[in-house]
mmCIF file of all heavy atoms, coordinates in Angstrom:
data_MODEL
# 
_entry.id   MODEL 
# 
loop_
_atom_site.group_PDB 
_atom_site.id 
_atom_site.type_symbol 
_atom_site.label_atom_id 
_atom_site.label_alt_id 
_atom_site.label_comp_id 
_atom_site.label_asym_id 
_atom_site.label_entity_id 
_atom_site.label_seq_id 
_atom_site.pdbx_PDB_ins_code 
_atom_site.Cartn_x 
_atom_site.Cartn_y 
_atom_site.Cartn_z 
_atom_site.occupancy 
_atom_site.B_iso_or_equiv 
_atom_site.pdbx_formal_charge 
_atom_site.auth_seq_id 
_atom_site.auth_comp_id 
_atom_site.auth_asym_id 
_atom_site.auth_atom_id 
_atom_site.pdbx_PDB_model_num 
ATOM 1   N N   . ALA A 1 1  ? 0.819   -1.211  0.000   1.00 0.00 ? 1  ALA A N   1 
ATOM 2   C CA  . ALA A 1 1  ? 0.000   0.000   0.000   1.00 0.00 ? 1  ALA A CA  1 
ATOM 3   C C   . ALA A 1 1  ? 0.851   1.259   0.000   1.00 0.00 ? 1  ALA A C   1 
ATOM 4   O O   . ALA A 1 1  ? 0.358   2.339   -0.344  1.00 0.00 ? 1  ALA A O   1 
ATOM 5   C CB  . ALA A 1 1  ? -0.916  0.007   1.224   1.00 0.00 ? 1  ALA A CB  1 
ATOM 6   N N   . GLY A 1 2  ? 2.135   1.114   0.396   1.00 0.00 ? 2  GLY A N   1 
ATOM 7   C CA  . GLY A 1 2  ? 3.023   2.264   0.384   1.00 0.00 ? 2  GLY A CA  1 
ATOM 8   C C   . GLY A 1 2  ? 3.358   2.831   1.742   1.00 0.00 ? 2  GLY A C   1 
ATOM 9   O O   . GLY A 1 2  ? 3.963   3.898   1.853   1.00 0.00 ? 2  GLY A O   1 
ATOM 10  N N   . ILE A 1 3  ? 2.977   2.120   2.807   1.00 0.00 ? 3  ILE A N   1 
ATOM 11  C CA  . ILE A 1 3  ? 3.259   2.585   4.172   1.00 0.00 ? 3  ILE A CA  1 
ATOM 12  C C   . ILE A 1 3  ? 3.879   1.437   4.965   1.00 0.00 ? 3  ILE A C   1 
ATOM 13  O O   . ILE A 1 3  ? 3.299   0.945   5.934   1.00 0.00 ? 3  ILE A O   1 
ATOM 14  C CB  . ILE A 1 3  ? 1.973   3.096   4.852   1.00 0.00 ? 3  ILE A CB  1 
ATOM 15  C CG1 . ILE A 1 3  ? 0.795   2.135   4.565   1.00 0.00 ? 3  ILE A CG1 1 
ATOM 16  C CG2 . ILE A 1 3  ? 1.637   4.504   4.394   1.00 0.00 ? 3  ILE A CG2 1 
ATOM 17  C CD1 . ILE A 1 3  ? -0.460  2.466   5.330   1.00 0.00 ? 3  ILE A CD1 1 
ATOM 18  N N   . PRO A 1 4  ? 5.077   0.998   4.578   1.00 0.00 ? 4  PRO A N   1 
ATOM 19  C CA  . PRO A 1 4  ? 5.660   -0.221  5.168   1.00 0.00 ? 4  PRO A CA  1 
ATOM 20  C C   . PRO A 1 4  ? 5.938   -0.140  6.663   1.00 0.00 ? 4  PRO A C   1 
ATOM 21  O O   . PRO A 1 4  ? 6.122   -1.175  7.300   1.00 0.00 ? 4  PRO A O   1 
ATOM 22  C CB  . PRO A 1 4  ? 6.957   -0.399  4.368   1.00 0.00 ? 4  PRO A CB  1 
ATOM 23  C CG  . PRO A 1 4  ? 7.274   0.946   3.824   1.00 0.00 ? 4  PRO A CG  1 
ATOM 24  C CD  . PRO A 1 4  ? 5.960   1.586   3.555   1.00 0.00 ? 4  PRO A CD  1 
ATOM 25  N N   . TRP A 1 5  ? 5.976   1.055   7.216   1.00 0.00 ? 5  TRP A N   1 
ATOM 26  C CA  . TRP A 1 5  ? 6.229   1.185   8.655   1.00 0.00 ? 5  TRP A CA  1 
ATOM 27  C C   . TRP A 1 5  ? 4.976   0.934   9.491   1.00 0.00 ? 5  TRP A C   1 
ATOM 28  O O   . TRP A 1 5  ? 5.071   0.734   10.700  1.00 0.00 ? 5  TRP A O   1 
ATOM 29  C CB  . TRP A 1 5  ? 6.746   2.598   8.955   1.00 0.00 ? 5  TRP A CB  1 
ATOM 30  C CG  . TRP A 1 5  ? 5.744   3.668   8.601   1.00 0.00 ? 5  TRP A CG  1 
ATOM 31  C CD1 . TRP A 1 5  ? 4.741   4.154   9.389   1.00 0.00 ? 5  TRP A CD1 1 
ATOM 32  C CD2 . TRP A 1 5  ? 5.640   4.351   7.361   1.00 0.00 ? 5  TRP A CD2 1 
ATOM 33  N NE1 . TRP A 1 5  ? 4.009   5.107   8.720   1.00 0.00 ? 5  TRP A NE1 1 
ATOM 34  C CE2 . TRP A 1 5  ? 4.552   5.259   7.469   1.00 0.00 ? 5  TRP A CE2 1 
ATOM 35  C CE3 . TRP A 1 5  ? 6.354   4.312   6.159   1.00 0.00 ? 5  TRP A CE3 1 
ATOM 36  C CZ2 . TRP A 1 5  ? 4.165   6.103   6.425   1.00 0.00 ? 5  TRP A CZ2 1 
ATOM 37  C CZ3 . TRP A 1 5  ? 5.967   5.159   5.133   1.00 0.00 ? 5  TRP A CZ3 1 
ATOM 38  C CH2 . TRP A 1 5  ? 4.887   6.036   5.263   1.00 0.00 ? 5  TRP A CH2 1 
ATOM 39  N N   . ALA A 1 6  ? 3.818   0.938   8.865   1.00 0.00 ? 6  ALA A N   1 
ATOM 40  C CA  . ALA A 1 6  ? 2.561   0.770   9.587   1.00 0.00 ? 6  ALA A CA  1 
ATOM 41  C C   . ALA A 1 6  ? 2.351   -0.689  9.967   1.00 0.00 ? 6  ALA A C   1 
ATOM 42  O O   . ALA A 1 6  ? 2.871   -1.604  9.313   1.00 0.00 ? 6  ALA A O   1 
ATOM 43  C CB  . ALA A 1 6  ? 1.393   1.277   8.756   1.00 0.00 ? 6  ALA A CB  1 
ATOM 44  N N   . ARG A 1 7  ? 1.575   -0.935  11.013  1.00 0.00 ? 7  ARG A N   1 
ATOM 45  C CA  . ARG A 1 7  ? 1.303   -2.285  11.490  1.00 0.00 ? 7  ARG A CA  1 
ATOM 46  C C   . ARG A 1 7  ? -0.203  -2.528  11.525  1.00 0.00 ? 7  ARG A C   1 
ATOM 47  O O   . ARG A 1 7  ? -0.973  -1.671  11.960  1.00 0.00 ? 7  ARG A O   1 
ATOM 48  C CB  . ARG A 1 7  ? 1.874   -2.486  12.898  1.00 0.00 ? 7  ARG A CB  1 
ATOM 49  C CG  . ARG A 1 7  ? 3.392   -2.394  12.956  1.00 0.00 ? 7  ARG A CG  1 
ATOM 50  C CD  . ARG A 1 7  ? 4.049   -3.536  12.193  1.00 0.00 ? 7  ARG A CD  1 
ATOM 51  N NE  . ARG A 1 7  ? 5.512   -3.440  12.221  1.00 0.00 ? 7  ARG A NE  1 
ATOM 52  C CZ  . ARG A 1 7  ? 6.237   -2.865  11.266  1.00 0.00 ? 7  ARG A CZ  1 
ATOM 53  N NH1 . ARG A 1 7  ? 5.620   -2.338  10.202  1.00 0.00 ? 7  ARG A NH1 1 
ATOM 54  N NH2 . ARG A 1 7  ? 7.544   -2.823  11.347  1.00 0.00 ? 7  ARG A NH2 1 
ATOM 55  N N   . LEU A 1 8  ? -0.594  -3.705  11.068  1.00 0.00 ? 8  LEU A N   1 
ATOM 56  C CA  . LEU A 1 8  ? -2.012  -4.056  11.055  1.00 0.00 ? 8  LEU A CA  1 
ATOM 57  C C   . LEU A 1 8  ? -2.525  -4.290  12.473  1.00 0.00 ? 8  LEU A C   1 
ATOM 58  O O   . LEU A 1 8  ? -1.815  -4.818  13.327  1.00 0.00 ? 8  LEU A O   1 
ATOM 59  C CB  . LEU A 1 8  ? -2.237  -5.324  10.229  1.00 0.00 ? 8  LEU A CB  1 
ATOM 60  C CG  . LEU A 1 8  ? -1.963  -5.239  8.724   1.00 0.00 ? 8  LEU A CG  1 
ATOM 61  C CD1 . LEU A 1 8  ? -2.094  -6.624  8.097   1.00 0.00 ? 8  LEU A CD1 1 
ATOM 62  C CD2 . LEU A 1 8  ? -2.913  -4.257  8.046   1.00 0.00 ? 8  LEU A CD2 1 
ATOM 63  N N   . ASP A 1 9  ? -3.777  -3.912  12.688  1.00 0.00 ? 9  ASP A N   1 
ATOM 64  C CA  . ASP A 1 9  ? -4.439  -4.192  13.954  1.00 0.00 ? 9  ASP A CA  1 
ATOM 65  C C   . ASP A 1 9  ? -5.237  -5.489  13.897  1.00 0.00 ? 9  ASP A C   1 
ATOM 66  O O   . ASP A 1 9  ? -5.441  -6.147  14.915  1.00 0.00 ? 9  ASP A O   1 
ATOM 67  C CB  . ASP A 1 9  ? -5.386  -3.039  14.320  1.00 0.00 ? 9  ASP A CB  1 
ATOM 68  C CG  . ASP A 1 9  ? -4.635  -1.737  14.545  1.00 0.00 ? 9  ASP A CG  1 
ATOM 69  O OD1 . ASP A 1 9  ? -3.826  -1.698  15.479  1.00 0.00 ? 9  ASP A OD1 1 
ATOM 70  O OD2 . ASP A 1 9  ? -4.859  -0.779  13.774  1.00 0.00 ? 9  ASP A OD2 1 
ATOM 71  N N   . LYS A 1 10 ? -5.683  -5.860  12.686  1.00 0.00 ? 10 LYS A N   1 
ATOM 72  C CA  . LYS A 1 10 ? -6.527  -7.059  12.573  1.00 0.00 ? 10 LYS A CA  1 
ATOM 73  C C   . LYS A 1 10 ? -6.435  -7.616  11.157  1.00 0.00 ? 10 LYS A C   1 
ATOM 74  O O   . LYS A 1 10 ? -6.345  -6.862  10.183  1.00 0.00 ? 10 LYS A O   1 
ATOM 75  C CB  . LYS A 1 10 ? -7.991  -6.725  12.893  1.00 0.00 ? 10 LYS A CB  1 
ATOM 76  C CG  . LYS A 1 10 ? -8.929  -7.934  12.856  1.00 0.00 ? 10 LYS A CG  1 
ATOM 77  C CD  . LYS A 1 10 ? -10.390 -7.508  12.966  1.00 0.00 ? 10 LYS A CD  1 
ATOM 78  C CE  . LYS A 1 10 ? -10.715 -6.954  14.321  1.00 0.00 ? 10 LYS A CE  1 
ATOM 79  N NZ  . LYS A 1 10 ? -12.186 -6.700  14.465  1.00 0.00 ? 10 LYS A NZ  1 
ATOM 80  N N   . VAL A 1 11 ? -6.481  -8.946  11.059  1.00 0.00 ? 11 VAL A N   1 
ATOM 81  C CA  . VAL A 1 11 ? -6.562  -9.633  9.769   1.00 0.00 ? 11 VAL A CA  1 
ATOM 82  C C   . VAL A 1 11 ? -7.817  -10.495 9.760   1.00 0.00 ? 11 VAL A C   1 
ATOM 83  O O   . VAL A 1 11 ? -7.994  -11.353 10.636  1.00 0.00 ? 11 VAL A O   1 
ATOM 84  C CB  . VAL A 1 11 ? -5.322  -10.516 9.504   1.00 0.00 ? 11 VAL A CB  1 
ATOM 85  C CG1 . VAL A 1 11 ? -5.490  -11.284 8.187   1.00 0.00 ? 11 VAL A CG1 1 
ATOM 86  C CG2 . VAL A 1 11 ? -4.052  -9.676  9.490   1.00 0.00 ? 11 VAL A CG2 1 
ATOM 87  N N   . ILE A 1 12 ? -8.684  -10.245 8.796   1.00 0.00 ? 12 ILE A N   1 
ATOM 88  C CA  . ILE A 1 12 ? -9.903  -11.036 8.621   1.00 0.00 ? 12 ILE A CA  1 
ATOM 89  C C   . ILE A 1 12 ? -9.713  -11.932 7.404   1.00 0.00 ? 12 ILE A C   1 
ATOM 90  O O   . ILE A 1 12 ? -9.594  -11.458 6.278   1.00 0.00 ? 12 ILE A O   1 
ATOM 91  C CB  . ILE A 1 12 ? -11.137 -10.140 8.439   1.00 0.00 ? 12 ILE A CB  1 
ATOM 92  C CG1 . ILE A 1 12 ? -11.310 -9.220  9.651   1.00 0.00 ? 12 ILE A CG1 1 
ATOM 93  C CG2 . ILE A 1 12 ? -12.391 -10.990 8.230   1.00 0.00 ? 12 ILE A CG2 1 
ATOM 94  C CD1 . ILE A 1 12 ? -12.429 -8.208  9.504   1.00 0.00 ? 12 ILE A CD1 1 
ATOM 95  N N   . GLY A 1 13 ? -9.631  -13.235 7.646   1.00 0.00 ? 13 GLY A N   1 
ATOM 96  C CA  . GLY A 1 13 ? -9.490  -14.185 6.558   1.00 0.00 ? 13 GLY A CA  1 
ATOM 97  C C   . GLY A 1 13 ? -10.843 -14.564 5.997   1.00 0.00 ? 13 GLY A C   1 
ATOM 98  O O   . GLY A 1 13 ? -11.832 -14.641 6.719   1.00 0.00 ? 13 GLY A O   1 
ATOM 99  N N   . VAL A 1 14 ? -10.891 -14.799 4.685   1.00 0.00 ? 14 VAL A N   1 
ATOM 100 C CA  . VAL A 1 14 ? -12.139 -15.174 4.021   1.00 0.00 ? 14 VAL A CA  1 
ATOM 101 C C   . VAL A 1 14 ? -11.961 -16.536 3.363   1.00 0.00 ? 14 VAL A C   1 
ATOM 102 O O   . VAL A 1 14 ? -10.966 -16.774 2.666   1.00 0.00 ? 14 VAL A O   1 
ATOM 103 C CB  . VAL A 1 14 ? -12.553 -14.134 2.958   1.00 0.00 ? 14 VAL A CB  1 
ATOM 104 C CG1 . VAL A 1 14 ? -13.921 -14.480 2.373   1.00 0.00 ? 14 VAL A CG1 1 
ATOM 105 C CG2 . VAL A 1 14 ? -12.577 -12.721 3.567   1.00 0.00 ? 14 VAL A CG2 1 
ATOM 106 N N   . MET A 1 15 ? -12.925 -17.433 3.611   1.00 0.00 ? 15 MET A N   1 
ATOM 107 C CA  . MET A 1 15 ? -12.884 -18.750 2.975   1.00 0.00 ? 15 MET A CA  1 
ATOM 108 C C   . MET A 1 15 ? -14.301 -19.231 2.723   1.00 0.00 ? 15 MET A C   1 
ATOM 109 O O   . MET A 1 15 ? -15.239 -18.865 3.420   1.00 0.00 ? 15 MET A O   1 
ATOM 110 C CB  . MET A 1 15 ? -12.129 -19.755 3.849   1.00 0.00 ? 15 MET A CB  1 
ATOM 111 C CG  . MET A 1 15 ? -12.728 -19.967 5.216   1.00 0.00 ? 15 MET A CG  1 
ATOM 112 S SD  . MET A 1 15 ? -11.660 -21.005 6.256   1.00 0.00 ? 15 MET A SD  1 
ATOM 113 C CE  . MET A 1 15 ? -12.748 -21.290 7.647   1.00 0.00 ? 15 MET A CE  1 
ATOM 114 N N   . LYS A 1 16 ? -14.452 -20.037 1.682   1.00 0.00 ? 16 LYS A N   1 
ATOM 115 C CA  . LYS A 1 16 ? -15.756 -20.609 1.354   1.00 0.00 ? 16 LYS A CA  1 
ATOM 116 C C   . LYS A 1 16 ? -16.088 -21.768 2.288   1.00 0.00 ? 16 LYS A C   1 
ATOM 117 O O   . LYS A 1 16 ? -15.203 -22.368 2.895   1.00 0.00 ? 16 LYS A O   1 
ATOM 118 C CB  . LYS A 1 16 ? -15.764 -21.129 -0.089  1.00 0.00 ? 16 LYS A CB  1 
ATOM 119 C CG  . LYS A 1 16 ? -16.007 -20.089 -1.169  1.00 0.00 ? 16 LYS A CG  1 
ATOM 120 C CD  . LYS A 1 16 ? -16.309 -20.818 -2.481  1.00 0.00 ? 16 LYS A CD  1 
ATOM 121 C CE  . LYS A 1 16 ? -16.650 -19.841 -3.586  1.00 0.00 ? 16 LYS A CE  1 
ATOM 122 N NZ  . LYS A 1 16 ? -15.455 -19.375 -4.299  1.00 0.00 ? 16 LYS A NZ  1 
ATOM 123 N N   . ALA A 1 17 ? -17.387 -22.086 2.332   1.00 0.00 ? 17 ALA A N   1 
ATOM 124 C CA  . ALA A 1 17 ? -17.840 -23.244 3.095   1.00 0.00 ? 17 ALA A CA  1 
ATOM 125 C C   . ALA A 1 17 ? -17.519 -24.545 2.363   1.00 0.00 ? 17 ALA A C   1 
ATOM 126 O O   . ALA A 1 17 ? -17.723 -25.639 2.897   1.00 0.00 ? 17 ALA A O   1 
ATOM 127 C CB  . ALA A 1 17 ? -19.340 -23.147 3.361   1.00 0.00 ? 17 ALA A CB  1 
ATOM 128 N N   . TYR A 1 18 ? -17.038 -24.434 1.138   1.00 0.00 ? 18 TYR A N   1 
ATOM 129 C CA  . TYR A 1 18 ? -16.500 -25.558 0.361   1.00 0.00 ? 18 TYR A CA  1 
ATOM 130 C C   . TYR A 1 18 ? -15.300 -24.993 -0.379  1.00 0.00 ? 18 TYR A C   1 
ATOM 131 O O   . TYR A 1 18 ? -14.867 -23.865 -0.099  1.00 0.00 ? 18 TYR A O   1 
ATOM 132 C CB  . TYR A 1 18 ? -17.544 -26.141 -0.597  1.00 0.00 ? 18 TYR A CB  1 
ATOM 133 C CG  . TYR A 1 18 ? -18.147 -25.133 -1.554  1.00 0.00 ? 18 TYR A CG  1 
ATOM 134 C CD1 . TYR A 1 18 ? -17.659 -24.988 -2.844  1.00 0.00 ? 18 TYR A CD1 1 
ATOM 135 C CD2 . TYR A 1 18 ? -19.203 -24.316 -1.158  1.00 0.00 ? 18 TYR A CD2 1 
ATOM 136 C CE1 . TYR A 1 18 ? -18.192 -24.054 -3.724  1.00 0.00 ? 18 TYR A CE1 1 
ATOM 137 C CE2 . TYR A 1 18 ? -19.763 -23.394 -2.030  1.00 0.00 ? 18 TYR A CE2 1 
ATOM 138 C CZ  . TYR A 1 18 ? -19.256 -23.261 -3.300  1.00 0.00 ? 18 TYR A CZ  1 
ATOM 139 O OH  . TYR A 1 18 ? -19.793 -22.329 -4.167  1.00 0.00 ? 18 TYR A OH  1 
ATOM 140 N N   . SER A 1 19 ? -14.704 -25.720 -1.287  1.00 0.00 ? 19 SER A N   1 
ATOM 141 C CA  . SER A 1 19 ? -13.512 -25.237 -1.991  1.00 0.00 ? 19 SER A CA  1 
ATOM 142 C C   . SER A 1 19 ? -13.821 -24.920 -3.439  1.00 0.00 ? 19 SER A C   1 
ATOM 143 O O   . SER A 1 19 ? -14.683 -25.558 -4.066  1.00 0.00 ? 19 SER A O   1 
ATOM 144 C CB  . SER A 1 19 ? -12.393 -26.290 -1.940  1.00 0.00 ? 19 SER A CB  1 
ATOM 145 O OG  . SER A 1 19 ? -11.986 -26.541 -0.611  1.00 0.00 ? 19 SER A OG  1 
ATOM 146 N N   . SER A 1 20 ? -13.115 -23.947 -3.996  1.00 0.00 ? 20 SER A N   1 
ATOM 147 C CA  . SER A 1 20 ? -13.181 -23.674 -5.428  1.00 0.00 ? 20 SER A CA  1 
ATOM 148 C C   . SER A 1 20 ? -11.824 -23.175 -5.888  1.00 0.00 ? 20 SER A C   1 
ATOM 149 O O   . SER A 1 20 ? -11.036 -22.648 -5.111  1.00 0.00 ? 20 SER A O   1 
ATOM 150 C CB  . SER A 1 20 ? -14.270 -22.644 -5.747  1.00 0.00 ? 20 SER A CB  1 
ATOM 151 O OG  . SER A 1 20 ? -13.914 -21.366 -5.270  1.00 0.00 ? 20 SER A OG  1 
ATOM 152 N N   . CYS A 1 21 ? -11.564 -23.358 -7.174  1.00 0.00 ? 21 CYS A N   1 
ATOM 153 C CA  . CYS A 1 21 ? -10.239 -23.047 -7.716  1.00 0.00 ? 21 CYS A CA  1 
ATOM 154 C C   . CYS A 1 21 ? -10.380 -22.750 -9.205  1.00 0.00 ? 21 CYS A C   1 
ATOM 155 O O   . CYS A 1 21 ? -10.948 -23.559 -9.944  1.00 0.00 ? 21 CYS A O   1 
ATOM 156 C CB  . CYS A 1 21 ? -9.310  -24.242 -7.485  1.00 0.00 ? 21 CYS A CB  1 
ATOM 157 S SG  . CYS A 1 21 ? -7.705  -24.135 -8.277  1.00 0.00 ? 21 CYS A SG  1 
ATOM 158 N N   . VAL A 1 22 ? -9.892  -21.587 -9.638  1.00 0.00 ? 22 VAL A N   1 
ATOM 159 C CA  . VAL A 1 22 ? -9.858  -21.264 -11.056 1.00 0.00 ? 22 VAL A CA  1 
ATOM 160 C C   . VAL A 1 22 ? -8.453  -21.516 -11.584 1.00 0.00 ? 22 VAL A C   1 
ATOM 161 O O   . VAL A 1 22 ? -7.477  -21.099 -10.971 1.00 0.00 ? 22 VAL A O   1 
ATOM 162 C CB  . VAL A 1 22 ? -10.243 -19.796 -11.300 1.00 0.00 ? 22 VAL A CB  1 
ATOM 163 C CG1 . VAL A 1 22 ? -10.073 -19.437 -12.781 1.00 0.00 ? 22 VAL A CG1 1 
ATOM 164 C CG2 . VAL A 1 22 ? -11.683 -19.554 -10.898 1.00 0.00 ? 22 VAL A CG2 1 
ATOM 165 N N   . GLY A 1 23 ? -8.355  -22.206 -12.707 1.00 0.00 ? 23 GLY A N   1 
ATOM 166 C CA  . GLY A 1 23 ? -7.052  -22.391 -13.327 1.00 0.00 ? 23 GLY A CA  1 
ATOM 167 C C   . GLY A 1 23 ? -6.416  -23.724 -13.007 1.00 0.00 ? 23 GLY A C   1 
ATOM 168 O O   . GLY A 1 23 ? -7.039  -24.640 -12.463 1.00 0.00 ? 23 GLY A O   1 
ATOM 169 N N   . GLU A 1 24 ? -5.145  -23.812 -13.340 1.00 0.00 ? 24 GLU A N   1 
ATOM 170 C CA  . GLU A 1 24 ? -4.413  -25.071 -13.240 1.00 0.00 ? 24 GLU A CA  1 
ATOM 171 C C   . GLU A 1 24 ? -3.810  -25.254 -11.853 1.00 0.00 ? 24 GLU A C   1 
ATOM 172 O O   . GLU A 1 24 ? -3.850  -24.383 -11.006 1.00 0.00 ? 24 GLU A O   1 
ATOM 173 C CB  . GLU A 1 24 ? -3.309  -25.099 -14.297 1.00 0.00 ? 24 GLU A CB  1 
ATOM 174 C CG  . GLU A 1 24 ? -3.774  -24.805 -15.716 1.00 0.00 ? 24 GLU A CG  1 
ATOM 175 C CD  . GLU A 1 24 ? -4.783  -25.814 -16.224 1.00 0.00 ? 24 GLU A CD  1 
ATOM 176 O OE1 . GLU A 1 24 ? -4.668  -27.007 -15.866 1.00 0.00 ? 24 GLU A OE1 1 
ATOM 177 O OE2 . GLU A 1 24 ? -5.692  -25.416 -16.979 1.00 0.00 ? 24 GLU A OE2 1 
ATOM 178 N N   . GLY A 1 25 ? -3.215  -26.438 -11.670 1.00 0.00 ? 25 GLY A N   1 
ATOM 179 C CA  . GLY A 1 25 ? -2.497  -26.701 -10.438 1.00 0.00 ? 25 GLY A CA  1 
ATOM 180 C C   . GLY A 1 25 ? -3.185  -27.722 -9.562  1.00 0.00 ? 25 GLY A C   1 
ATOM 181 O O   . GLY A 1 25 ? -4.333  -28.109 -9.788  1.00 0.00 ? 25 GLY A O   1 
# 
């Protein structure tokens, strides 16, 4: 974002109730 000295207060992870994947691998 351009402010490398800043520190996050919270991380909210997002995930599906099942799995999905676009592309190879």
